[in-house]
Amino acid sequence: MVCEHLSALDRELTESGANETFRGQAWSDNCREWVYYDVVLDVENLRSRLGLGSMVTVHENLDERSGTERGLACNLCKDGIMGRISGAEGFS
């Protein structure tokens, strides 16, 4: 279960039927639970619409060797919700 700061987004994505592709400790000991969905997240709209606090920031990785991703990460709890950069249905 992701932290309280990201739980509303996680719930919305699940209820929308978005395809979850991974849930767990992603790529480092500095990550607690990261959840990956097969959607493109409109991160700025989501931050605004859900009223996410300053501890939730946009995370983006554009390195194709390690896998591209864009989403929202809680810097306080070390959780994240990631989506694709492109090529999938959008979620805002």
PDB file of N, CA and C in Angstrom:
ATOM      1  N   MET A   1       0.846  -1.176   0.000  1.00  0.00           N
ATOM      2  CA  MET A   1       0.000   0.000   0.000  1.00  0.00           C
ATOM      3  C   MET A   1       0.891   1.239   0.000  1.00  0.00           C
ATOM      4  N   VAL A   2       0.671   2.133  -0.968  1.00  0.00           N
ATOM      5  CA  VAL A   2       1.445   3.367  -1.009  1.00  0.00           C
ATOM      6  C   VAL A   2       1.022   4.290   0.131  1.00  0.00           C
ATOM      7  N   CYS A   3       1.821   5.280   0.394  1.00  0.00           N
ATOM      8  CA  CYS A   3       1.594   6.204   1.502  1.00  0.00           C
ATOM      9  C   CYS A   3       0.321   7.023   1.317  1.00  0.00           C
ATOM     10  N   GLU A   4      -0.086   7.646   2.402  1.00  0.00           N
ATOM     11  CA  GLU A   4      -1.309   8.458   2.407  1.00  0.00           C
ATOM     12  C   GLU A   4      -1.257   9.595   1.402  1.00  0.00           C
ATOM     13  N   HIS A   5      -0.061  10.064   1.045  1.00  0.00           N
ATOM     14  CA  HIS A   5       0.074  11.192   0.127  1.00  0.00           C
ATOM     15  C   HIS A   5      -0.238  10.805  -1.322  1.00  0.00           C
ATOM     16  N   LEU A   6      -0.107   9.514  -1.640  1.00  0.00           N
ATOM     17  CA  LEU A   6      -0.346   9.034  -3.002  1.00  0.00           C
ATOM     18  C   LEU A   6      -1.531   8.070  -3.088  1.00  0.00           C
ATOM     19  N   SER A   7      -2.148   7.756  -1.973  1.00  0.00           N
ATOM     20  CA  SER A   7      -3.183   6.714  -1.961  1.00  0.00           C
ATOM     21  C   SER A   7      -4.408   7.081  -2.807  1.00  0.00           C
ATOM     22  N   ALA A   8      -4.806   8.355  -2.839  1.00  0.00           N
ATOM     23  CA  ALA A   8      -5.973   8.740  -3.648  1.00  0.00           C
ATOM     24  C   ALA A   8      -5.703   8.490  -5.133  1.00  0.00           C
ATOM     25  N   LEU A   9      -4.515   8.823  -5.592  1.00  0.00           N
ATOM     26  CA  LEU A   9      -4.158   8.583  -6.992  1.00  0.00           C
ATOM     27  C   LEU A   9      -4.117   7.087  -7.286  1.00  0.00           C
ATOM     28  N   ASP A  10      -3.516   6.319  -6.404  1.00  0.00           N
ATOM     29  CA  ASP A  10      -3.445   4.873  -6.587  1.00  0.00           C
ATOM     30  C   ASP A  10      -4.852   4.281  -6.679  1.00  0.00           C
ATOM     31  N   ARG A  11      -5.737   4.715  -5.814  1.00  0.00           N
ATOM     32  CA  ARG A  11      -7.118   4.236  -5.801  1.00  0.00           C
ATOM     33  C   ARG A  11      -7.831   4.608  -7.109  1.00  0.00           C
ATOM     34  N   GLU A  12      -7.658   5.852  -7.558  1.00  0.00           N
ATOM     35  CA  GLU A  12      -8.287   6.292  -8.812  1.00  0.00           C
ATOM     36  C   GLU A  12      -7.808   5.472 -10.008  1.00  0.00           C
ATOM     37  N   LEU A  13      -6.523   5.230 -10.058  1.00  0.00           N
ATOM     38  CA  LEU A  13      -5.978   4.452 -11.175  1.00  0.00           C
ATOM     39  C   LEU A  13      -6.524   3.033 -11.157  1.00  0.00           C
ATOM     40  N   THR A  14      -6.574   2.426  -9.987  1.00  0.00           N
ATOM     41  CA  THR A  14      -7.100   1.069  -9.869  1.00  0.00           C
ATOM     42  C   THR A  14      -8.567   1.026 -10.273  1.00  0.00           C
ATOM     43  N   GLU A  15      -9.358   1.971  -9.754  1.00  0.00           N
ATOM     44  CA  GLU A  15     -10.790   1.998 -10.053  1.00  0.00           C
ATOM     45  C   GLU A  15     -11.076   2.307 -11.519  1.00  0.00           C
ATOM     46  N   SER A  16     -10.159   3.009 -12.185  1.00  0.00           N
ATOM     47  CA  SER A  16     -10.353   3.325 -13.603  1.00  0.00           C
ATOM     48  C   SER A  16     -10.069   2.124 -14.499  1.00  0.00           C
ATOM     49  N   GLY A  17      -9.470   1.088 -13.922  1.00  0.00           N
ATOM     50  CA  GLY A  17      -9.116  -0.090 -14.713  1.00  0.00           C
ATOM     51  C   GLY A  17      -7.740  -0.010 -15.339  1.00  0.00           C
ATOM     52  N   ALA A  18      -6.944   0.971 -14.931  1.00  0.00           N
ATOM     53  CA  ALA A  18      -5.584   1.094 -15.469  1.00  0.00           C
ATOM     54  C   ALA A  18      -4.798  -0.186 -15.162  1.00  0.00           C
ATOM     55  N   ASN A  19      -4.010  -0.618 -16.111  1.00  0.00           N
ATOM     56  CA  ASN A  19      -3.234  -1.845 -15.971  1.00  0.00           C
ATOM     57  C   ASN A  19      -2.003  -1.601 -15.092  1.00  0.00           C
ATOM     58  N   GLU A  20      -1.981  -2.232 -13.914  1.00  0.00           N
ATOM     59  CA  GLU A  20      -0.813  -2.157 -13.024  1.00  0.00           C
ATOM     60  C   GLU A  20       0.208  -3.170 -13.513  1.00  0.00           C
ATOM     61  N   THR A  21       1.448  -2.693 -13.739  1.00  0.00           N
ATOM     62  CA  THR A  21       2.471  -3.587 -14.273  1.00  0.00           C
ATOM     63  C   THR A  21       3.516  -3.996 -13.250  1.00  0.00           C
ATOM     64  N   PHE A  22       3.625  -3.261 -12.133  1.00  0.00           N
ATOM     65  CA  PHE A  22       4.588  -3.610 -11.084  1.00  0.00           C
ATOM     66  C   PHE A  22       4.196  -2.891  -9.798  1.00  0.00           C
ATOM     67  N   ARG A  23       4.416  -3.551  -8.678  1.00  0.00           N
ATOM     68  CA  ARG A  23       4.234  -2.939  -7.356  1.00  0.00           C
ATOM     69  C   ARG A  23       5.284  -3.547  -6.434  1.00  0.00           C
ATOM     70  N   GLY A  24       6.091  -2.687  -5.826  1.00  0.00           N
ATOM     71  CA  GLY A  24       7.112  -3.169  -4.901  1.00  0.00           C
ATOM     72  C   GLY A  24       8.270  -2.202  -4.833  1.00  0.00           C
ATOM     73  N   GLN A  25       9.397  -2.688  -4.310  1.00  0.00           N
ATOM     74  CA  GLN A  25      10.605  -1.864  -4.247  1.00  0.00           C
ATOM     75  C   GLN A  25      11.239  -1.881  -5.629  1.00  0.00           C
ATOM     76  N   ALA A  26      11.289  -0.708  -6.235  1.00  0.00           N
ATOM     77  CA  ALA A  26      11.632  -0.632  -7.655  1.00  0.00           C
ATOM     78  C   ALA A  26      13.119  -0.795  -7.945  1.00  0.00           C
ATOM     79  N   TRP A  27      13.924   0.165  -7.639  1.00  0.00           N
ATOM     80  CA  TRP A  27      15.282   0.139  -8.161  1.00  0.00           C
ATOM     81  C   TRP A  27      16.341   0.555  -7.163  1.00  0.00           C
ATOM     82  N   SER A  28      15.973   0.855  -5.941  1.00  0.00           N
ATOM     83  CA  SER A  28      16.991   1.245  -4.984  1.00  0.00           C
ATOM     84  C   SER A  28      16.459   1.107  -3.570  1.00  0.00           C
ATOM     85  N   ASP A  29      17.358   1.054  -2.612  1.00  0.00           N
ATOM     86  CA  ASP A  29      16.949   1.005  -1.211  1.00  0.00           C
ATOM     87  C   ASP A  29      16.287   2.305  -0.778  1.00  0.00           C
ATOM     88  N   ASN A  30      16.411   3.349  -1.588  1.00  0.00           N
ATOM     89  CA  ASN A  30      15.803   4.639  -1.279  1.00  0.00           C
ATOM     90  C   ASN A  30      14.332   4.692  -1.721  1.00  0.00           C
ATOM     91  N   CYS A  31      13.827   3.602  -2.275  1.00  0.00           N
ATOM     92  CA  CYS A  31      12.427   3.509  -2.689  1.00  0.00           C
ATOM     93  C   CYS A  31      11.731   2.514  -1.771  1.00  0.00           C
ATOM     94  N   ARG A  32      10.555   2.875  -1.286  1.00  0.00           N
ATOM     95  CA  ARG A  32       9.796   1.946  -0.452  1.00  0.00           C
ATOM     96  C   ARG A  32       8.847   1.145  -1.349  1.00  0.00           C
ATOM     97  N   GLU A  33       7.729   1.734  -1.736  1.00  0.00           N
ATOM     98  CA  GLU A  33       6.817   1.052  -2.658  1.00  0.00           C
ATOM     99  C   GLU A  33       6.568   1.951  -3.860  1.00  0.00           C
ATOM    100  N   TRP A  34       6.876   1.439  -5.023  1.00  0.00           N
ATOM    101  CA  TRP A  34       6.599   2.142  -6.260  1.00  0.00           C
ATOM    102  C   TRP A  34       5.639   1.285  -7.065  1.00  0.00           C
ATOM    103  N   VAL A  35       4.666   1.955  -7.672  1.00  0.00           N
ATOM    104  CA  VAL A  35       3.652   1.273  -8.464  1.00  0.00           C
ATOM    105  C   VAL A  35       3.723   1.825  -9.882  1.00  0.00           C
ATOM    106  N   TYR A  36       3.771   0.923 -10.840  1.00  0.00           N
ATOM    107  CA  TYR A  36       3.840   1.305 -12.241  1.00  0.00           C
ATOM    108  C   TYR A  36       2.528   0.942 -12.925  1.00  0.00           C
ATOM    109  N   TYR A  37       2.000   1.894 -13.687  1.00  0.00           N
ATOM    110  CA  TYR A  37       0.777   1.700 -14.457  1.00  0.00           C
ATOM    111  C   TYR A  37       1.081   1.935 -15.934  1.00  0.00           C
ATOM    112  N   ASP A  38       0.365   1.213 -16.784  1.00  0.00           N
ATOM    113  CA  ASP A  38       0.545   1.330 -18.229  1.00  0.00           C
ATOM    114  C   ASP A  38      -0.323   2.466 -18.772  1.00  0.00           C
ATOM    115  N   VAL A  39      -0.087   3.665 -18.263  1.00  0.00           N
ATOM    116  CA  VAL A  39      -0.778   4.886 -18.704  1.00  0.00           C
ATOM    117  C   VAL A  39       0.236   6.026 -18.707  1.00  0.00           C
ATOM    118  N   VAL A  40      -0.090   7.070 -19.443  1.00  0.00           N
ATOM    119  CA  VAL A  40       0.684   8.303 -19.386  1.00  0.00           C
ATOM    120  C   VAL A  40      -0.015   9.202 -18.368  1.00  0.00           C
ATOM    121  N   LEU A  41       0.680   9.564 -17.315  1.00  0.00           N
ATOM    122  CA  LEU A  41       0.092  10.396 -16.262  1.00  0.00           C
ATOM    123  C   LEU A  41       0.290  11.873 -16.574  1.00  0.00           C
ATOM    124  N   ASP A  42      -0.765  12.641 -16.499  1.00  0.00           N
ATOM    125  CA  ASP A  42      -0.691  14.097 -16.620  1.00  0.00           C
ATOM    126  C   ASP A  42      -0.314  14.613 -15.231  1.00  0.00           C
ATOM    127  N   VAL A  43       0.969  14.578 -14.928  1.00  0.00           N
ATOM    128  CA  VAL A  43       1.434  14.800 -13.562  1.00  0.00           C
ATOM    129  C   VAL A  43       1.082  16.184 -13.015  1.00  0.00           C
ATOM    130  N   GLU A  44       1.172  17.211 -13.824  1.00  0.00           N
ATOM    131  CA  GLU A  44       0.864  18.557 -13.324  1.00  0.00           C
ATOM    132  C   GLU A  44      -0.624  18.691 -12.996  1.00  0.00           C
ATOM    133  N   ASN A  45      -1.472  18.167 -13.868  1.00  0.00           N
ATOM    134  CA  ASN A  45      -2.906  18.212 -13.604  1.00  0.00           C
ATOM    135  C   ASN A  45      -3.249  17.395 -12.356  1.00  0.00           C
ATOM    136  N   LEU A  46      -2.659  16.222 -12.219  1.00  0.00           N
ATOM    137  CA  LEU A  46      -2.925  15.383 -11.054  1.00  0.00           C
ATOM    138  C   LEU A  46      -2.473  16.054  -9.761  1.00  0.00           C
ATOM    139  N   ARG A  47      -1.303  16.668  -9.773  1.00  0.00           N
ATOM    140  CA  ARG A  47      -0.816  17.377  -8.577  1.00  0.00           C
ATOM    141  C   ARG A  47      -1.816  18.448  -8.159  1.00  0.00           C
ATOM    142  N   SER A  48      -2.316  19.189  -9.119  1.00  0.00           N
ATOM    143  CA  SER A  48      -3.253  20.270  -8.838  1.00  0.00           C
ATOM    144  C   SER A  48      -4.616  19.731  -8.418  1.00  0.00           C
ATOM    145  N   ARG A  49      -5.165  18.824  -9.197  1.00  0.00           N
ATOM    146  CA  ARG A  49      -6.513  18.314  -8.944  1.00  0.00           C
ATOM    147  C   ARG A  49      -6.615  17.586  -7.608  1.00  0.00           C
ATOM    148  N   LEU A  50      -5.575  16.828  -7.254  1.00  0.00           N
ATOM    149  CA  LEU A  50      -5.617  16.057  -6.016  1.00  0.00           C
ATOM    150  C   LEU A  50      -5.062  16.832  -4.821  1.00  0.00           C
ATOM    151  N   GLY A  51      -4.574  18.039  -5.059  1.00  0.00           N
ATOM    152  CA  GLY A  51      -4.044  18.851  -3.967  1.00  0.00           C
ATOM    153  C   GLY A  51      -2.862  18.202  -3.272  1.00  0.00           C
ATOM    154  N   LEU A  52      -1.969  17.626  -4.043  1.00  0.00           N
ATOM    155  CA  LEU A  52      -0.816  16.937  -3.464  1.00  0.00           C
ATOM    156  C   LEU A  52       0.151  17.947  -2.873  1.00  0.00           C
ATOM    157  N   GLY A  53       0.640  17.666  -1.710  1.00  0.00           N
ATOM    158  CA  GLY A  53       1.527  18.581  -0.995  1.00  0.00           C
ATOM    159  C   GLY A  53       2.892  18.709  -1.639  1.00  0.00           C
ATOM    160  N   SER A  54       3.689  19.590  -1.072  1.00  0.00           N
ATOM    161  CA  SER A  54       5.024  19.867  -1.626  1.00  0.00           C
ATOM    162  C   SER A  54       5.966  18.679  -1.518  1.00  0.00           C
ATOM    163  N   MET A  55       5.628  17.701  -0.664  1.00  0.00           N
ATOM    164  CA  MET A  55       6.479  16.512  -0.546  1.00  0.00           C
ATOM    165  C   MET A  55       6.331  15.581  -1.750  1.00  0.00           C
ATOM    166  N   VAL A  56       5.274  15.779  -2.545  1.00  0.00           N
ATOM    167  CA  VAL A  56       5.060  14.968  -3.744  1.00  0.00           C
ATOM    168  C   VAL A  56       5.573  15.753  -4.942  1.00  0.00           C
ATOM    169  N   THR A  57       6.558  15.191  -5.612  1.00  0.00           N
ATOM    170  CA  THR A  57       7.199  15.871  -6.734  1.00  0.00           C
ATOM    171  C   THR A  57       7.141  15.001  -7.990  1.00  0.00           C
ATOM    172  N   VAL A  58       7.360  15.644  -9.108  1.00  0.00           N
ATOM    173  CA  VAL A  58       7.394  14.931 -10.383  1.00  0.00           C
ATOM    174  C   VAL A  58       8.723  14.198 -10.486  1.00  0.00           C
ATOM    175  N   HIS A  59       8.646  12.933 -10.862  1.00  0.00           N
ATOM    176  CA  HIS A  59       9.835  12.118 -11.108  1.00  0.00           C
ATOM    177  C   HIS A  59       9.807  11.729 -12.581  1.00  0.00           C
ATOM    178  N   GLU A  60      10.950  11.848 -13.236  1.00  0.00           N
ATOM    179  CA  GLU A  60      11.039  11.492 -14.651  1.00  0.00           C
ATOM    180  C   GLU A  60      12.383  10.855 -14.922  1.00  0.00           C
ATOM    181  N   ASN A  61      12.357   9.736 -15.610  1.00  0.00           N
ATOM    182  CA  ASN A  61      13.572   9.082 -16.065  1.00  0.00           C
ATOM    183  C   ASN A  61      13.461   8.906 -17.572  1.00  0.00           C
ATOM    184  N   LEU A  62      14.386   9.506 -18.311  1.00  0.00           N
ATOM    185  CA  LEU A  62      14.362   9.451 -19.773  1.00  0.00           C
ATOM    186  C   LEU A  62      15.423   8.517 -20.347  1.00  0.00           C
ATOM    187  N   ASP A  63      16.110   7.765 -19.488  1.00  0.00           N
ATOM    188  CA  ASP A  63      17.158   6.855 -19.931  1.00  0.00           C
ATOM    189  C   ASP A  63      16.525   5.571 -20.465  1.00  0.00           C
ATOM    190  N   GLU A  64      16.560   5.399 -21.758  1.00  0.00           N
ATOM    191  CA  GLU A  64      15.910   4.246 -22.388  1.00  0.00           C
ATOM    192  C   GLU A  64      16.553   2.923 -21.986  1.00  0.00           C
ATOM    193  N   ARG A  65      17.811   2.929 -21.577  1.00  0.00           N
ATOM    194  CA  ARG A  65      18.456   1.684 -21.160  1.00  0.00           C
ATOM    195  C   ARG A  65      17.858   1.149 -19.867  1.00  0.00           C
ATOM    196  N   SER A  66      17.525   2.048 -18.950  1.00  0.00           N
ATOM    197  CA  SER A  66      16.976   1.594 -17.664  1.00  0.00           C
ATOM    198  C   SER A  66      15.451   1.616 -17.650  1.00  0.00           C
ATOM    199  N   GLY A  67      14.835   2.161 -18.663  1.00  0.00           N
ATOM    200  CA  GLY A  67      13.375   2.198 -18.744  1.00  0.00           C
ATOM    201  C   GLY A  67      12.833   3.578 -18.434  1.00  0.00           C
ATOM    202  N   THR A  68      12.184   4.174 -19.402  1.00  0.00           N
ATOM    203  CA  THR A  68      11.643   5.518 -19.215  1.00  0.00           C
ATOM    204  C   THR A  68      10.393   5.473 -18.353  1.00  0.00           C
ATOM    205  N   GLU A  69      10.201   6.550 -17.584  1.00  0.00           N
ATOM    206  CA  GLU A  69       9.040   6.639 -16.704  1.00  0.00           C
ATOM    207  C   GLU A  69       8.808   8.087 -16.306  1.00  0.00           C
ATOM    208  N   ARG A  70       7.541   8.399 -16.021  1.00  0.00           N
ATOM    209  CA  ARG A  70       7.194   9.710 -15.495  1.00  0.00           C
ATOM    210  C   ARG A  70       6.036   9.499 -14.520  1.00  0.00           C
ATOM    211  N   GLY A  71       6.159  10.137 -13.367  1.00  0.00           N
ATOM    212  CA  GLY A  71       5.099   9.990 -12.380  1.00  0.00           C
ATOM    213  C   GLY A  71       5.306  10.916 -11.206  1.00  0.00           C
ATOM    214  N   LEU A  72       4.742  10.529 -10.092  1.00  0.00           N
ATOM    215  CA  LEU A  72       4.795  11.334  -8.875  1.00  0.00           C
ATOM    216  C   LEU A  72       5.437  10.513  -7.760  1.00  0.00           C
ATOM    217  N   ALA A  73       6.337  11.146  -7.037  1.00  0.00           N
ATOM    218  CA  ALA A  73       7.042  10.478  -5.951  1.00  0.00           C
ATOM    219  C   ALA A  73       6.885  11.282  -4.672  1.00  0.00           C
ATOM    220  N   CYS A  74       6.670  10.572  -3.566  1.00  0.00           N
ATOM    221  CA  CYS A  74       6.586  11.214  -2.258  1.00  0.00           C
ATOM    222  C   CYS A  74       7.983  11.194  -1.649  1.00  0.00           C
ATOM    223  N   ASN A  75       8.574  12.357  -1.514  1.00  0.00           N
ATOM    224  CA  ASN A  75       9.932  12.448  -0.982  1.00  0.00           C
ATOM    225  C   ASN A  75       9.986  12.191   0.520  1.00  0.00           C
ATOM    226  N   LEU A  76       8.862  12.287   1.194  1.00  0.00           N
ATOM    227  CA  LEU A  76       8.799  12.027   2.625  1.00  0.00           C
ATOM    228  C   LEU A  76       8.755  10.523   2.903  1.00  0.00           C
ATOM    229  N   CYS A  77       7.920   9.812   2.177  1.00  0.00           N
ATOM    230  CA  CYS A  77       7.690   8.386   2.432  1.00  0.00           C
ATOM    231  C   CYS A  77       8.456   7.459   1.491  1.00  0.00           C
ATOM    232  N   LYS A  78       9.024   8.013   0.432  1.00  0.00           N
ATOM    233  CA  LYS A  78       9.804   7.256  -0.560  1.00  0.00           C
ATOM    234  C   LYS A  78       8.953   6.317  -1.398  1.00  0.00           C
ATOM    235  N   ASP A  79       7.678   6.671  -1.604  1.00  0.00           N
ATOM    236  CA  ASP A  79       6.784   5.917  -2.474  1.00  0.00           C
ATOM    237  C   ASP A  79       6.637   6.647  -3.803  1.00  0.00           C
ATOM    238  N   GLY A  80       6.200   5.926  -4.821  1.00  0.00           N
ATOM    239  CA  GLY A  80       6.003   6.553  -6.114  1.00  0.00           C
ATOM    240  C   GLY A  80       4.928   5.868  -6.920  1.00  0.00           C
ATOM    241  N   ILE A  81       4.293   6.630  -7.781  1.00  0.00           N
ATOM    242  CA  ILE A  81       3.358   6.099  -8.768  1.00  0.00           C
ATOM    243  C   ILE A  81       3.842   6.581 -10.121  1.00  0.00           C
ATOM    244  N   MET A  82       4.196   5.630 -10.965  1.00  0.00           N
ATOM    245  CA  MET A  82       4.803   5.929 -12.246  1.00  0.00           C
ATOM    246  C   MET A  82       3.930   5.472 -13.400  1.00  0.00           C
ATOM    247  N   GLY A  83       4.072   6.193 -14.484  1.00  0.00           N
ATOM    248  CA  GLY A  83       3.426   5.833 -15.734  1.00  0.00           C
ATOM    249  C   GLY A  83       4.453   5.857 -16.848  1.00  0.00           C
ATOM    250  N   ARG A  84       3.959   5.679 -18.040  1.00  0.00           N
ATOM    251  CA  ARG A  84       4.824   5.688 -19.222  1.00  0.00           C
ATOM    252  C   ARG A  84       5.077   7.132 -19.656  1.00  0.00           C
ATOM    253  N   ILE A  85       6.073   7.329 -20.472  1.00  0.00           N
ATOM    254  CA  ILE A  85       6.361   8.642 -21.058  1.00  0.00           C
ATOM    255  C   ILE A  85       5.399   8.902 -22.217  1.00  0.00           C
ATOM    256  N   SER A  86       5.150   7.897 -23.045  1.00  0.00           N
ATOM    257  CA  SER A  86       4.254   8.058 -24.198  1.00  0.00           C
ATOM    258  C   SER A  86       3.772   6.699 -24.653  1.00  0.00           C
ATOM    259  N   GLY A  87       2.872   6.718 -25.622  1.00  0.00           N
ATOM    260  CA  GLY A  87       2.450   5.478 -26.247  1.00  0.00           C
ATOM    261  C   GLY A  87       1.368   4.713 -25.526  1.00  0.00           C
ATOM    262  N   ALA A  88       0.756   5.309 -24.534  1.00  0.00           N
ATOM    263  CA  ALA A  88      -0.327   4.636 -23.814  1.00  0.00           C
ATOM    264  C   ALA A  88      -1.425   5.634 -23.540  1.00  0.00           C
ATOM    265  N   GLU A  89      -2.542   5.128 -23.096  1.00  0.00           N
ATOM    266  CA  GLU A  89      -3.681   5.968 -22.748  1.00  0.00           C
ATOM    267  C   GLU A  89      -3.278   6.964 -21.661  1.00  0.00           C
ATOM    268  N   GLY A  90      -3.802   8.181 -21.746  1.00  0.00           N
ATOM    269  CA  GLY A  90      -3.502   9.207 -20.756  1.00  0.00           C
ATOM    270  C   GLY A  90      -4.435   9.151 -19.556  1.00  0.00           C
ATOM    271  N   PHE A  91      -3.950   9.616 -18.421  1.00  0.00           N
ATOM    272  CA  PHE A  91      -4.745   9.674 -17.204  1.00  0.00           C
ATOM    273  C   PHE A  91      -4.494  11.023 -16.551  1.00  0.00           C
ATOM    274  N   SER A  92      -5.564  11.777 -16.344  1.00  0.00           N
ATOM    275  CA  SER A  92      -5.429  13.079 -15.683  1.00  0.00           C
ATOM    276  C   SER A  92      -6.519  13.193 -14.661  1.00  0.00           C
TER     277      SER A  92
END
